[in-house]
Amino acid sequence: QVQLVESGGGLVQAGGSLRLSCAGSGIIFSSTGMGWYRQAPGKQRELVAFISVGGFTLYSDSVKDRFTIFRNNAQKTVSLRMNSLKPEETDIYYCNAGGNLRTQEGQYWGQGTQVTVSS
């Protein structure tokens, strides 16, 4: 059974930083593309960042140069470092597994972690 467990969300002031982490189990982590998505109430879930098996990364234009995705295959974790956060980035952030560079979105999802950015 695949499990993705996110951690690291919380409340931060605008301009601040947070680091999200996702621990994966039930998958061959080193062979699995991993991503972070976010979703606000009433809006579609959107890709934030993706990292391939080989370590190639993709970012949403809105987060380039501020967010960094990285993976640790030994620990079976994928993390998202978020700097210079903006109030409009208050969302639930979801870990995703199983995608590839072409399609990004995989079939497995975590339960999400709330990020709130205060102005």
C-alpha atoms as a PDB file:
ATOM      1  CA  GLN A   1       0.000   0.000   0.000  1.00  0.00           C
ATOM      2  CA  VAL A   2       1.398   3.337  -1.059  1.00  0.00           C
ATOM      3  CA  GLN A   3       1.559   6.016   1.592  1.00  0.00           C
ATOM      4  CA  LEU A   4       2.722   9.592   1.227  1.00  0.00           C
ATOM      5  CA  VAL A   5       2.898  11.568   4.446  1.00  0.00           C
ATOM      6  CA  GLU A   6       3.495  15.300   4.311  1.00  0.00           C
ATOM      7  CA  SER A   7       4.850  17.453   7.102  1.00  0.00           C
ATOM      8  CA  GLY A   8       6.175  20.950   7.638  1.00  0.00           C
ATOM      9  CA  GLY A   9       3.166  23.096   6.878  1.00  0.00           C
ATOM     10  CA  GLY A  10       2.093  25.910   9.146  1.00  0.00           C
ATOM     11  CA  LEU A  11       1.701  29.629   9.541  1.00  0.00           C
ATOM     12  CA  VAL A  12       4.341  32.023   8.258  1.00  0.00           C
ATOM     13  CA  GLN A  13       4.486  35.745   7.596  1.00  0.00           C
ATOM     14  CA  ALA A  14       4.718  37.079   4.085  1.00  0.00           C
ATOM     15  CA  GLY A  15       8.318  36.971   2.938  1.00  0.00           C
ATOM     16  CA  GLY A  16       9.096  34.060   5.211  1.00  0.00           C
ATOM     17  CA  SER A  17      10.172  30.512   4.489  1.00  0.00           C
ATOM     18  CA  LEU A  18       8.901  27.014   5.070  1.00  0.00           C
ATOM     19  CA  ARG A  19      10.168  23.567   4.244  1.00  0.00           C
ATOM     20  CA  LEU A  20       7.726  20.806   3.430  1.00  0.00           C
ATOM     21  CA  SER A  21       8.674  17.146   3.493  1.00  0.00           C
ATOM     22  CA  CYS A  22       6.979  14.028   2.193  1.00  0.00           C
ATOM     23  CA  ALA A  23       7.873  10.519   3.274  1.00  0.00           C
ATOM     24  CA  GLY A  24       6.969   7.752   0.874  1.00  0.00           C
ATOM     25  CA  SER A  25       6.401   4.068   1.503  1.00  0.00           C
ATOM     26  CA  GLY A  26       5.017   1.205  -0.526  1.00  0.00           C
ATOM     27  CA  ILE A  27       6.810   2.404  -3.668  1.00  0.00           C
ATOM     28  CA  ILE A  28      10.279   1.938  -5.089  1.00  0.00           C
ATOM     29  CA  PHE A  29      11.097   5.513  -4.181  1.00  0.00           C
ATOM     30  CA  SER A  30      14.302   5.807  -6.183  1.00  0.00           C
ATOM     31  CA  SER A  31      12.405   4.839  -9.345  1.00  0.00           C
ATOM     32  CA  THR A  32       9.473   7.190  -8.819  1.00  0.00           C
ATOM     33  CA  GLY A  33       8.966  10.736 -10.024  1.00  0.00           C
ATOM     34  CA  MET A  34       7.818  13.009  -7.204  1.00  0.00           C
ATOM     35  CA  GLY A  35       5.992  16.309  -7.158  1.00  0.00           C
ATOM     36  CA  TRP A  36       4.316  18.957  -5.060  1.00  0.00           C
ATOM     37  CA  TYR A  37       0.935  20.423  -5.903  1.00  0.00           C
ATOM     38  CA  ARG A  38      -1.231  22.983  -4.186  1.00  0.00           C
ATOM     39  CA  GLN A  39      -4.911  23.748  -4.103  1.00  0.00           C
ATOM     40  CA  ALA A  40      -6.959  26.594  -2.735  1.00  0.00           C
ATOM     41  CA  PRO A  41     -10.690  26.194  -1.946  1.00  0.00           C
ATOM     42  CA  GLY A  42     -12.748  26.282  -5.115  1.00  0.00           C
ATOM     43  CA  LYS A  43      -9.719  26.159  -7.369  1.00  0.00           C
ATOM     44  CA  GLN A  44      -8.017  23.460  -9.370  1.00  0.00           C
ATOM     45  CA  ARG A  45      -5.012  21.680  -7.994  1.00  0.00           C
ATOM     46  CA  GLU A  46      -1.868  23.046  -9.650  1.00  0.00           C
ATOM     47  CA  LEU A  47       1.658  21.798 -10.046  1.00  0.00           C
ATOM     48  CA  VAL A  48       4.225  23.595  -7.920  1.00  0.00           C
ATOM     49  CA  ALA A  49       7.346  21.536  -8.578  1.00  0.00           C
ATOM     50  CA  PHE A  50       8.392  18.143  -9.894  1.00  0.00           C
ATOM     51  CA  ILE A  51      11.573  16.110  -9.618  1.00  0.00           C
ATOM     52  CA  SER A  52      12.290  13.149 -11.836  1.00  0.00           C
ATOM     53  CA  VAL A  53      14.035   9.895 -11.032  1.00  0.00           C
ATOM     54  CA  GLY A  54      17.202  11.354 -12.482  1.00  0.00           C
ATOM     55  CA  GLY A  55      16.918  14.573 -10.491  1.00  0.00           C
ATOM     56  CA  PHE A  56      15.636  16.873 -13.234  1.00  0.00           C
ATOM     57  CA  THR A  57      13.328  19.527 -11.865  1.00  0.00           C
ATOM     58  CA  LEU A  58      10.358  21.483 -13.178  1.00  0.00           C
ATOM     59  CA  TYR A  59       8.722  24.464 -11.518  1.00  0.00           C
ATOM     60  CA  SER A  60       5.617  26.514 -11.958  1.00  0.00           C
ATOM     61  CA  ASP A  61       6.562  29.914 -13.365  1.00  0.00           C
ATOM     62  CA  SER A  62       5.134  31.567 -10.263  1.00  0.00           C
ATOM     63  CA  VAL A  63       7.571  29.843  -7.904  1.00  0.00           C
ATOM     64  CA  LYS A  64      10.765  29.703  -9.975  1.00  0.00           C
ATOM     65  CA  ASP A  65      13.782  31.122  -8.145  1.00  0.00           C
ATOM     66  CA  ARG A  66      11.912  30.995  -4.817  1.00  0.00           C
ATOM     67  CA  PHE A  67      11.096  27.312  -4.325  1.00  0.00           C
ATOM     68  CA  THR A  68      13.438  24.333  -4.492  1.00  0.00           C
ATOM     69  CA  ILE A  69      12.437  20.691  -4.705  1.00  0.00           C
ATOM     70  CA  PHE A  70      14.907  17.989  -3.750  1.00  0.00           C
ATOM     71  CA  ARG A  71      14.833  14.315  -2.954  1.00  0.00           C
ATOM     72  CA  ASN A  72      16.679  11.924  -0.684  1.00  0.00           C
ATOM     73  CA  ASN A  73      16.297   8.422  -2.017  1.00  0.00           C
ATOM     74  CA  ALA A  74      18.032   6.833   0.953  1.00  0.00           C
ATOM     75  CA  GLN A  75      15.493   8.382   3.315  1.00  0.00           C
ATOM     76  CA  LYS A  76      12.636   8.075   0.809  1.00  0.00           C
ATOM     77  CA  THR A  77      11.711  11.720   1.140  1.00  0.00           C
ATOM     78  CA  VAL A  78      11.011  14.605  -1.164  1.00  0.00           C
ATOM     79  CA  SER A  79      11.142  18.132   0.175  1.00  0.00           C
ATOM     80  CA  LEU A  80      10.102  21.565  -0.956  1.00  0.00           C
ATOM     81  CA  ARG A  81      11.941  24.602   0.298  1.00  0.00           C
ATOM     82  CA  MET A  82       9.763  27.691  -0.075  1.00  0.00           C
ATOM     83  CA  ASN A  83      11.239  31.163   0.257  1.00  0.00           C
ATOM     84  CA  SER A  84       9.710  34.628  -0.031  1.00  0.00           C
ATOM     85  CA  LEU A  85       6.226  33.280   0.502  1.00  0.00           C
ATOM     86  CA  LYS A  86       3.238  35.382  -0.516  1.00  0.00           C
ATOM     87  CA  PRO A  87      -0.235  35.541   1.051  1.00  0.00           C
ATOM     88  CA  GLU A  88      -1.798  34.264  -2.170  1.00  0.00           C
ATOM     89  CA  GLU A  89       0.206  31.067  -1.721  1.00  0.00           C
ATOM     90  CA  THR A  90      -1.961  30.080   1.215  1.00  0.00           C
ATOM     91  CA  ASP A  91      -3.096  26.640   0.103  1.00  0.00           C
ATOM     92  CA  ILE A  92      -3.107  22.982   0.953  1.00  0.00           C
ATOM     93  CA  TYR A  93       0.073  21.474  -0.426  1.00  0.00           C
ATOM     94  CA  TYR A  94       0.013  17.874  -1.627  1.00  0.00           C
ATOM     95  CA  CYS A  95       2.772  15.388  -2.266  1.00  0.00           C
ATOM     96  CA  ASN A  96       2.395  13.358  -5.451  1.00  0.00           C
ATOM     97  CA  ALA A  97       4.160  10.235  -6.675  1.00  0.00           C
ATOM     98  CA  GLY A  98       4.354   8.298  -9.884  1.00  0.00           C
ATOM     99  CA  GLY A  99       4.669  10.986 -12.521  1.00  0.00           C
ATOM    100  CA  ASN A 100       7.308  11.554 -15.162  1.00  0.00           C
ATOM    101  CA  LEU A 101       8.910  14.528 -16.867  1.00  0.00           C
ATOM    102  CA  ARG A 102       6.325  14.566 -19.624  1.00  0.00           C
ATOM    103  CA  THR A 103       3.150  14.378 -17.569  1.00  0.00           C
ATOM    104  CA  GLN A 104       4.379  15.162 -14.029  1.00  0.00           C
ATOM    105  CA  GLU A 105       1.209  14.036 -12.234  1.00  0.00           C
ATOM    106  CA  GLY A 106       1.308  10.526 -10.801  1.00  0.00           C
ATOM    107  CA  GLN A 107      -1.435   8.404  -9.375  1.00  0.00           C
ATOM    108  CA  TYR A 108      -0.561   8.610  -5.712  1.00  0.00           C
ATOM    109  CA  TRP A 109      -1.392  11.483  -3.395  1.00  0.00           C
ATOM    110  CA  GLY A 110      -0.726  12.431   0.167  1.00  0.00           C
ATOM    111  CA  GLN A 111      -3.395  13.915   2.396  1.00  0.00           C
ATOM    112  CA  GLY A 112      -1.973  17.404   2.193  1.00  0.00           C
ATOM    113  CA  THR A 113      -0.499  19.930   4.577  1.00  0.00           C
ATOM    114  CA  GLN A 114      -1.854  23.417   5.151  1.00  0.00           C
ATOM    115  CA  VAL A 115       0.364  26.398   4.446  1.00  0.00           C
ATOM    116  CA  THR A 116      -0.921  29.773   5.589  1.00  0.00           C
ATOM    117  CA  VAL A 117       0.925  32.964   4.698  1.00  0.00           C
ATOM    118  CA  SER A 118      -0.172  36.021   6.650  1.00  0.00           C
ATOM    119  CA  SER A 119       0.124  39.519   5.252  1.00  0.00           C
END
